[in-house]
N, C-alpha and C. Protein backbone atom coordinates (compact mmCIF):
# COMPACT_ATOMS: atom_id res chain seq x y z
N MET A 1 -17.05 49.10 -45.07
CA MET A 1 -15.76 49.14 -44.31
C MET A 1 -15.62 47.36 -43.95
N LYS A 2 -16.72 47.01 -43.09
CA LYS A 2 -16.67 45.67 -42.56
C LYS A 2 -16.43 44.43 -43.82
N TYR A 3 -16.97 44.87 -44.77
CA TYR A 3 -17.04 43.66 -45.87
C TYR A 3 -15.85 43.89 -46.38
N ILE A 4 -14.92 44.78 -46.80
CA ILE A 4 -13.95 45.13 -47.65
C ILE A 4 -12.96 44.23 -46.56
N ILE A 5 -12.91 44.49 -45.21
CA ILE A 5 -12.02 43.85 -44.12
C ILE A 5 -12.11 42.17 -44.32
N ILE A 6 -13.27 41.53 -44.43
CA ILE A 6 -13.69 40.17 -44.35
C ILE A 6 -13.34 39.85 -45.91
N LEU A 7 -13.35 40.44 -46.79
CA LEU A 7 -12.95 39.99 -48.32
C LEU A 7 -11.45 40.24 -47.96
N LEU A 8 -10.64 40.75 -47.56
CA LEU A 8 -9.21 41.07 -47.68
C LEU A 8 -8.77 39.85 -46.66
N CYS A 9 -9.57 39.48 -45.56
CA CYS A 9 -8.94 38.31 -44.97
C CYS A 9 -9.40 37.23 -45.71
N THR A 10 -10.14 37.06 -46.24
CA THR A 10 -10.62 35.66 -47.05
C THR A 10 -9.53 35.58 -48.12
N ALA A 11 -8.97 36.71 -48.95
CA ALA A 11 -8.26 36.49 -50.05
C ALA A 11 -6.73 36.08 -49.75
N VAL A 12 -6.50 36.64 -48.26
CA VAL A 12 -5.16 36.43 -47.48
C VAL A 12 -5.39 34.79 -47.35
N VAL A 13 -6.59 34.21 -46.48
CA VAL A 13 -6.35 32.66 -46.10
C VAL A 13 -6.56 32.12 -47.52
N VAL A 14 -7.36 32.27 -48.44
CA VAL A 14 -7.05 31.42 -49.91
C VAL A 14 -5.70 31.49 -50.46
N LEU A 15 -5.14 32.68 -50.46
CA LEU A 15 -3.89 32.56 -50.98
C LEU A 15 -2.81 32.03 -50.25
N ALA A 16 -3.04 32.08 -48.96
CA ALA A 16 -1.86 31.32 -47.97
C ALA A 16 -2.24 29.77 -48.25
N ALA A 17 -3.27 29.29 -48.28
CA ALA A 17 -3.83 27.79 -48.60
C ALA A 17 -3.25 27.23 -50.01
N CYS A 18 -3.34 28.44 -51.17
CA CYS A 18 -2.54 28.10 -52.47
C CYS A 18 -1.18 27.91 -52.73
N THR A 19 -0.82 28.48 -51.61
CA THR A 19 0.82 28.60 -51.93
C THR A 19 1.44 27.55 -50.86
N LYS A 20 0.67 27.15 -49.87
CA LYS A 20 1.00 25.96 -49.21
C LYS A 20 1.30 24.55 -49.83
N GLN A 21 2.86 24.08 -49.95
CA GLN A 21 3.07 22.86 -50.68
C GLN A 21 2.12 21.90 -49.91
N ALA A 22 1.86 20.60 -50.96
CA ALA A 22 1.19 19.60 -50.44
C ALA A 22 2.36 18.71 -49.45
N GLU A 23 1.90 18.35 -48.53
CA GLU A 23 2.87 17.46 -47.43
C GLU A 23 3.30 16.07 -48.44
N LEU A 24 4.45 16.09 -48.24
CA LEU A 24 5.10 15.00 -48.67
C LEU A 24 4.61 13.78 -47.65
N PRO A 25 5.03 12.28 -48.75
CA PRO A 25 4.44 11.27 -47.95
C PRO A 25 5.56 10.86 -46.87
N LYS A 26 5.11 10.13 -45.54
CA LYS A 26 6.19 10.07 -44.49
C LYS A 26 6.84 8.91 -44.50
N THR A 27 6.02 7.73 -44.75
CA THR A 27 6.54 6.46 -44.45
C THR A 27 7.36 5.85 -45.85
N PRO A 28 7.84 4.88 -45.95
CA PRO A 28 8.78 4.37 -46.75
C PRO A 28 7.67 3.80 -47.89
N GLU A 29 6.55 3.25 -47.69
CA GLU A 29 5.58 2.89 -48.23
C GLU A 29 4.84 3.76 -49.08
N GLU A 30 4.69 4.78 -48.52
CA GLU A 30 3.92 6.02 -48.81
C GLU A 30 4.72 6.46 -49.95
N VAL A 31 5.98 6.83 -49.65
CA VAL A 31 7.05 7.41 -50.59
C VAL A 31 7.11 6.50 -51.83
N VAL A 32 7.11 5.38 -51.77
CA VAL A 32 7.30 4.44 -53.12
C VAL A 32 6.37 4.46 -53.90
N LYS A 33 4.89 4.40 -53.34
CA LYS A 33 3.90 4.52 -54.01
C LYS A 33 3.50 6.08 -54.67
N ALA A 34 3.75 6.86 -54.14
CA ALA A 34 3.86 8.35 -54.45
C ALA A 34 4.93 8.31 -55.94
N TYR A 35 5.84 7.96 -55.46
CA TYR A 35 7.11 8.29 -56.59
C TYR A 35 6.69 7.67 -57.75
N GLN A 36 6.15 6.14 -57.43
CA GLN A 36 6.05 5.23 -58.88
C GLN A 36 4.78 6.00 -59.33
N ALA A 37 3.91 6.73 -58.94
CA ALA A 37 2.61 6.94 -59.49
C ALA A 37 3.02 8.34 -60.46
N TYR A 38 4.00 9.14 -59.75
CA TYR A 38 4.83 10.35 -60.51
C TYR A 38 5.44 9.66 -61.77
N TYR A 39 6.26 8.56 -61.49
CA TYR A 39 7.01 8.32 -62.58
C TYR A 39 6.24 7.70 -63.63
N ASP A 40 5.37 6.74 -63.39
CA ASP A 40 4.27 6.20 -64.49
C ASP A 40 3.63 7.22 -65.00
N GLN A 41 3.33 8.52 -64.52
CA GLN A 41 2.84 9.46 -65.62
C GLN A 41 3.90 10.68 -66.30
N ASN A 42 5.07 10.26 -66.14
CA ASN A 42 6.27 10.94 -66.65
C ASN A 42 6.23 12.40 -65.81
N ARG A 43 5.94 12.49 -64.62
CA ARG A 43 5.75 13.89 -63.80
C ARG A 43 7.08 13.64 -62.90
N PHE A 44 7.98 13.86 -63.90
CA PHE A 44 9.51 13.87 -63.21
C PHE A 44 9.91 14.81 -62.28
N ALA A 45 9.36 16.09 -62.46
CA ALA A 45 9.84 17.11 -61.26
C ALA A 45 9.10 16.70 -59.96
N GLU A 46 7.84 16.13 -59.96
CA GLU A 46 7.26 15.65 -58.63
C GLU A 46 8.34 14.48 -58.07
N ALA A 47 8.66 13.60 -59.16
CA ALA A 47 9.30 12.43 -58.65
C ALA A 47 10.73 12.92 -57.95
N LYS A 48 11.21 13.91 -58.17
CA LYS A 48 12.37 14.59 -57.96
C LYS A 48 12.32 14.76 -56.48
N LEU A 49 11.26 15.51 -56.11
CA LEU A 49 10.87 15.89 -54.92
C LEU A 49 11.11 14.65 -53.87
N LEU A 50 10.80 13.43 -54.05
CA LEU A 50 10.98 12.26 -53.64
C LEU A 50 12.04 11.37 -53.60
N SER A 51 13.24 12.04 -54.26
CA SER A 51 14.38 11.34 -54.68
C SER A 51 15.67 11.91 -54.37
N THR A 52 16.71 11.13 -53.89
CA THR A 52 18.32 11.59 -53.69
C THR A 52 18.64 12.16 -54.84
N THR A 53 19.75 12.76 -54.47
CA THR A 53 20.55 13.50 -55.95
C THR A 53 20.96 12.51 -56.95
N ALA A 54 21.28 11.42 -56.82
CA ALA A 54 21.65 10.13 -57.76
C ALA A 54 20.17 10.12 -58.64
N GLU A 55 19.15 9.72 -57.91
CA GLU A 55 17.88 9.08 -58.40
C GLU A 55 17.43 10.69 -59.41
N GLN A 56 17.52 11.81 -58.93
CA GLN A 56 17.19 12.98 -59.56
C GLN A 56 18.17 13.11 -60.81
N LYS A 57 19.19 12.68 -60.81
CA LYS A 57 19.96 12.82 -62.25
C LYS A 57 19.43 11.83 -63.24
N ARG A 58 19.27 10.56 -62.55
CA ARG A 58 18.65 9.42 -63.43
C ARG A 58 17.42 9.98 -64.09
N LEU A 59 16.53 10.65 -63.35
CA LEU A 59 15.29 11.03 -63.78
C LEU A 59 15.36 12.30 -64.88
N THR A 60 16.19 13.03 -64.74
CA THR A 60 16.47 13.94 -65.52
C THR A 60 17.00 13.57 -66.78
N ASP A 61 18.06 12.27 -66.91
CA ASP A 61 18.32 11.87 -68.05
C ASP A 61 17.10 10.86 -68.78
N LEU A 62 16.30 10.45 -68.06
CA LEU A 62 15.04 9.77 -68.64
C LEU A 62 14.20 10.43 -69.24
N ALA A 63 13.90 11.82 -68.55
CA ALA A 63 12.82 12.78 -69.13
C ALA A 63 13.44 13.28 -70.57
N ARG A 64 14.89 13.35 -70.61
CA ARG A 64 15.46 13.60 -71.80
C ARG A 64 15.01 12.64 -73.05
N MET A 65 15.26 11.50 -72.69
CA MET A 65 15.03 10.27 -73.65
C MET A 65 13.33 10.30 -74.03
N MET A 66 12.61 10.70 -73.04
CA MET A 66 11.03 10.63 -73.09
C MET A 66 10.56 11.54 -74.10
N GLU A 67 11.07 12.87 -74.16
CA GLU A 67 10.76 13.94 -74.97
C GLU A 67 10.46 13.55 -76.59
N SER A 68 11.15 12.48 -76.96
CA SER A 68 10.86 12.22 -78.33
C SER A 68 9.87 11.08 -78.47
N GLU A 69 9.14 10.63 -77.23
CA GLU A 69 8.26 9.93 -77.58
C GLU A 69 6.79 10.54 -77.27
N SER A 70 5.75 9.71 -77.81
CA SER A 70 4.58 10.33 -77.23
C SER A 70 4.30 10.23 -76.03
N ALA A 71 3.55 10.99 -75.39
CA ALA A 71 3.13 10.90 -74.00
C ALA A 71 2.52 9.76 -73.91
N ASP A 72 1.63 9.47 -74.36
CA ASP A 72 0.62 8.46 -74.11
C ASP A 72 1.08 7.02 -74.41
N SER A 73 2.36 6.76 -74.97
CA SER A 73 3.04 5.39 -75.21
C SER A 73 3.89 5.31 -74.11
N THR A 74 4.08 6.24 -73.31
CA THR A 74 5.24 6.02 -72.19
C THR A 74 4.57 6.03 -70.66
N GLN A 75 3.38 6.31 -70.74
CA GLN A 75 2.59 6.20 -69.58
C GLN A 75 2.22 4.89 -69.07
N LEU A 76 2.26 4.67 -67.70
CA LEU A 76 1.90 3.32 -67.43
C LEU A 76 0.85 3.56 -66.06
N THR A 77 0.32 2.29 -65.69
CA THR A 77 -0.59 2.35 -64.48
C THR A 77 -0.13 1.30 -63.57
N THR A 78 0.92 1.48 -62.39
CA THR A 78 1.40 0.30 -61.78
C THR A 78 0.31 0.25 -60.50
N VAL A 79 -0.04 -1.18 -59.98
CA VAL A 79 -0.81 -1.21 -59.08
C VAL A 79 0.32 -2.35 -57.91
N PHE A 80 0.27 -1.95 -56.57
CA PHE A 80 1.12 -2.59 -55.90
C PHE A 80 0.23 -3.86 -55.52
N LEU A 81 0.60 -4.92 -55.83
CA LEU A 81 -0.14 -5.93 -55.06
C LEU A 81 0.45 -6.36 -53.85
N SER A 82 1.76 -6.31 -53.44
CA SER A 82 2.34 -6.13 -52.01
C SER A 82 3.69 -5.23 -52.08
N ILE A 83 3.80 -4.95 -50.96
CA ILE A 83 4.76 -3.85 -50.57
C ILE A 83 5.39 -4.39 -49.30
N LYS A 84 6.37 -4.72 -48.91
CA LYS A 84 7.12 -4.99 -47.73
C LYS A 84 8.56 -4.07 -47.62
N CYS A 85 8.45 -3.03 -46.56
CA CYS A 85 9.50 -2.25 -46.13
C CYS A 85 10.21 -2.79 -45.10
N ARG A 86 11.48 -2.89 -45.01
CA ARG A 86 12.07 -3.08 -43.68
C ARG A 86 13.04 -1.76 -43.47
N THR A 87 12.98 -1.24 -42.34
CA THR A 87 14.34 0.12 -42.19
C THR A 87 15.18 -0.64 -41.24
N LYS A 88 16.34 0.42 -41.57
CA LYS A 88 17.64 0.37 -40.75
C LYS A 88 18.26 1.60 -40.71
N GLY A 89 17.98 2.23 -39.48
CA GLY A 89 18.47 3.80 -39.22
C GLY A 89 18.00 4.55 -40.31
N ASP A 90 18.75 5.04 -41.16
CA ASP A 90 18.20 5.74 -42.27
C ASP A 90 18.10 5.30 -43.70
N SER A 91 18.00 4.12 -43.62
CA SER A 91 17.72 3.40 -44.88
C SER A 91 16.49 2.13 -44.87
N ALA A 92 16.18 2.48 -45.99
CA ALA A 92 14.78 1.49 -45.76
C ALA A 92 15.12 0.67 -47.27
N PHE A 93 14.29 -0.68 -47.02
CA PHE A 93 14.68 -1.75 -48.49
C PHE A 93 13.15 -1.98 -48.50
N CYS A 94 12.55 -1.86 -49.76
CA CYS A 94 11.15 -2.18 -50.14
C CYS A 94 11.05 -2.98 -51.31
N LYS A 95 10.51 -4.42 -50.86
CA LYS A 95 10.21 -5.61 -51.98
C LYS A 95 8.75 -5.31 -52.18
N CYS A 96 8.59 -5.16 -53.50
CA CYS A 96 7.42 -4.93 -54.03
C CYS A 96 7.00 -6.18 -55.04
N ARG A 97 5.77 -6.46 -55.32
CA ARG A 97 5.17 -6.93 -56.33
C ARG A 97 4.15 -6.15 -56.84
N CYS A 98 4.30 -6.11 -58.19
CA CYS A 98 3.55 -5.09 -59.02
C CYS A 98 2.98 -5.60 -60.11
N LYS A 99 2.08 -5.04 -60.72
CA LYS A 99 1.33 -5.06 -61.90
C LYS A 99 1.06 -4.09 -62.64
N ASP A 100 1.40 -3.92 -63.80
CA ASP A 100 1.17 -2.92 -64.72
C ASP A 100 0.25 -3.37 -65.82
N GLN A 101 -0.21 -2.45 -66.88
CA GLN A 101 -0.85 -3.09 -68.26
C GLN A 101 -0.53 -4.11 -68.94
N TYR A 102 0.98 -4.66 -68.73
CA TYR A 102 1.77 -5.30 -69.51
C TYR A 102 2.01 -6.60 -68.79
N GLU A 103 2.36 -6.60 -67.40
CA GLU A 103 2.97 -7.62 -66.72
C GLU A 103 2.80 -7.67 -65.47
N THR A 104 2.96 -8.51 -64.37
CA THR A 104 3.08 -8.77 -63.03
C THR A 104 4.73 -9.27 -62.80
N TYR A 105 5.24 -8.33 -61.91
CA TYR A 105 6.80 -8.28 -61.81
C TYR A 105 7.23 -8.24 -60.35
N LYS A 106 8.42 -8.15 -59.96
CA LYS A 106 8.82 -7.95 -58.58
C LYS A 106 10.05 -6.82 -58.81
N THR A 107 9.92 -5.88 -58.01
CA THR A 107 10.85 -4.98 -57.79
C THR A 107 11.50 -4.53 -56.47
N ASP A 108 12.57 -3.81 -56.63
CA ASP A 108 12.92 -3.49 -55.16
C ASP A 108 13.14 -2.01 -55.21
N PHE A 109 13.20 -1.10 -54.12
CA PHE A 109 13.26 0.38 -53.89
C PHE A 109 14.12 0.31 -52.56
N VAL A 110 15.26 1.45 -52.97
CA VAL A 110 16.23 1.37 -51.55
C VAL A 110 15.93 2.99 -51.48
N LEU A 111 15.62 3.39 -50.28
CA LEU A 111 15.35 4.78 -49.92
C LEU A 111 16.25 5.05 -48.62
N LEU A 112 16.58 6.37 -48.60
CA LEU A 112 17.59 7.10 -47.80
C LEU A 112 16.72 8.13 -47.13
N ARG A 113 16.80 8.27 -45.88
CA ARG A 113 16.29 9.32 -45.00
C ARG A 113 17.23 10.33 -44.91
N SER A 114 17.01 11.81 -45.25
CA SER A 114 17.68 12.83 -44.87
C SER A 114 16.63 14.08 -44.75
N GLN A 115 17.04 14.79 -43.66
CA GLN A 115 16.17 16.00 -43.39
C GLN A 115 14.70 15.47 -42.97
N LYS A 116 14.76 14.29 -42.14
CA LYS A 116 13.12 13.77 -41.75
C LYS A 116 12.75 13.35 -42.99
N GLN A 117 12.94 13.13 -44.12
CA GLN A 117 12.11 12.84 -45.51
C GLN A 117 12.65 11.80 -46.21
N TRP A 118 12.08 10.45 -45.99
CA TRP A 118 12.27 9.24 -46.94
C TRP A 118 12.81 9.42 -48.54
N ARG A 119 13.58 9.34 -49.23
CA ARG A 119 13.57 9.35 -50.68
C ARG A 119 14.00 8.30 -51.20
N ILE A 120 13.96 8.01 -52.45
CA ILE A 120 14.23 7.16 -53.45
C ILE A 120 15.50 7.30 -53.87
N ASP A 121 16.44 6.25 -53.74
CA ASP A 121 17.58 6.05 -54.24
C ASP A 121 18.13 5.68 -55.50
N ALA A 122 18.82 5.87 -56.45
CA ALA A 122 19.00 5.56 -57.71
C ALA A 122 19.29 3.84 -57.63
N PRO A 123 18.81 3.02 -58.51
CA PRO A 123 19.32 1.59 -58.29
C PRO A 123 20.86 1.58 -58.46
N ARG A 124 21.30 0.51 -57.85
CA ARG A 124 22.70 0.32 -57.82
C ARG A 124 23.21 0.08 -59.11
N GLU A 125 22.84 -0.38 -60.16
CA GLU A 125 23.51 -0.32 -61.61
C GLU A 125 23.31 0.85 -62.05
N GLU A 126 22.38 1.92 -61.67
CA GLU A 126 22.84 3.39 -62.23
C GLU A 126 23.53 4.11 -61.67
N ARG A 127 24.11 3.63 -60.55
CA ARG A 127 25.07 4.67 -59.78
C ARG A 127 26.69 4.26 -60.55
N TYR A 128 26.59 4.06 -61.88
CA TYR A 128 27.93 3.75 -62.48
C TYR A 128 29.08 2.98 -61.30
N GLU A 129 28.77 2.13 -61.06
CA GLU A 129 29.42 1.38 -59.88
C GLU A 129 29.99 0.06 -60.42
N PHE A 130 31.32 -0.08 -60.48
CA PHE A 130 31.76 -1.21 -61.31
C PHE A 130 32.80 -1.82 -60.44
N ASP A 131 32.54 -3.49 -60.45
CA ASP A 131 33.40 -4.20 -59.71
C ASP A 131 34.45 -4.83 -60.67
N ASN A 132 35.33 -5.51 -60.39
CA ASN A 132 36.21 -6.23 -61.36
C ASN A 132 35.72 -6.95 -62.49
N SER A 133 34.69 -7.32 -62.11
CA SER A 133 34.03 -8.49 -63.51
C SER A 133 33.35 -7.34 -64.31
N ASP A 134 33.02 -6.45 -63.75
CA ASP A 134 32.34 -5.35 -64.99
C ASP A 134 33.19 -5.04 -65.90
N ILE A 135 34.77 -4.57 -65.25
CA ILE A 135 35.72 -3.97 -66.02
C ILE A 135 36.17 -4.90 -66.87
N GLU A 136 36.35 -6.32 -66.59
CA GLU A 136 36.87 -7.45 -67.48
C GLU A 136 35.90 -7.47 -68.43
N GLY A 137 34.45 -7.55 -68.21
CA GLY A 137 33.48 -7.66 -69.24
C GLY A 137 33.79 -6.69 -70.43
N VAL A 138 33.99 -4.92 -69.89
CA VAL A 138 34.10 -4.29 -70.81
C VAL A 138 35.21 -4.16 -71.83
N VAL A 139 36.39 -4.86 -71.18
CA VAL A 139 37.73 -4.99 -71.89
C VAL A 139 37.51 -5.94 -72.68
N ASP A 140 36.74 -7.13 -72.39
CA ASP A 140 36.46 -8.21 -73.47
C ASP A 140 35.56 -7.61 -74.81
N THR A 141 34.70 -6.79 -74.42
CA THR A 141 33.90 -6.48 -75.41
C THR A 141 34.91 -5.42 -76.41
N LEU A 142 35.71 -4.77 -75.86
CA LEU A 142 36.53 -3.86 -76.61
C LEU A 142 37.58 -4.93 -77.52
N PHE A 143 37.93 -5.88 -76.91
CA PHE A 143 38.82 -6.56 -78.08
C PHE A 143 37.74 -7.27 -78.64
N ASP A 144 36.70 -7.70 -78.55
CA ASP A 144 35.94 -8.44 -79.48
C ASP A 144 35.72 -7.32 -80.69
N LEU A 145 35.32 -6.18 -80.36
CA LEU A 145 35.02 -5.11 -81.42
C LEU A 145 36.28 -4.78 -82.16
N ILE A 146 37.61 -4.87 -81.84
CA ILE A 146 38.78 -4.47 -82.52
C ILE A 146 38.87 -5.86 -83.46
N ASP A 147 38.75 -6.73 -82.73
CA ASP A 147 38.83 -8.08 -83.99
C ASP A 147 38.01 -7.84 -84.57
N VAL A 148 36.69 -7.71 -84.41
CA VAL A 148 35.44 -7.66 -85.85
C VAL A 148 35.74 -6.70 -86.66
N GLU A 149 36.44 -5.20 -86.27
CA GLU A 149 37.14 -4.29 -86.99
C GLU A 149 37.99 -4.93 -88.15
N GLN A 150 39.15 -5.31 -87.59
CA GLN A 150 40.19 -5.91 -88.51
C GLN A 150 39.93 -6.99 -89.29
N GLN A 151 39.01 -7.51 -88.90
CA GLN A 151 38.53 -8.78 -89.86
C GLN A 151 37.77 -8.29 -91.06
N GLN A 152 37.11 -7.04 -90.92
CA GLN A 152 36.07 -6.29 -92.07
C GLN A 152 37.38 -5.68 -92.67
N GLN A 153 38.36 -5.49 -92.46
CA GLN A 153 39.49 -4.41 -93.33
C GLN A 153 40.14 -5.32 -93.98
């Protein structure tokens, strides 16, 4: 009987350890590194845990696009050569110098803190925000397309 109780207690402890979620990274730097690692490996569900709603939508769209590609062709290995984050209230701005198998580049991340967790926000250009010059460019492109179509007729 004593062994059965010990076995049951051990099973409960093991089960509790297995169901406990991994702790999310705390600092903006840790979040950026973890997010990028998930992103590089197309592990978008995990990346979404570290993302704002806007970025989650972008990741969903990206995952759909990646479905038709072979997994090996879309995976990267990003190394952070430098990462400098500054925080102001519930916002953080991280400037990074990175290297992957193709190039060395600079990139920026914007993070927002909600419910005590830093989360990657969607890049500004992905948030469908337009200023007047963007709208003028779209209108100019539409007129160019109309002109080309009329010339072909």
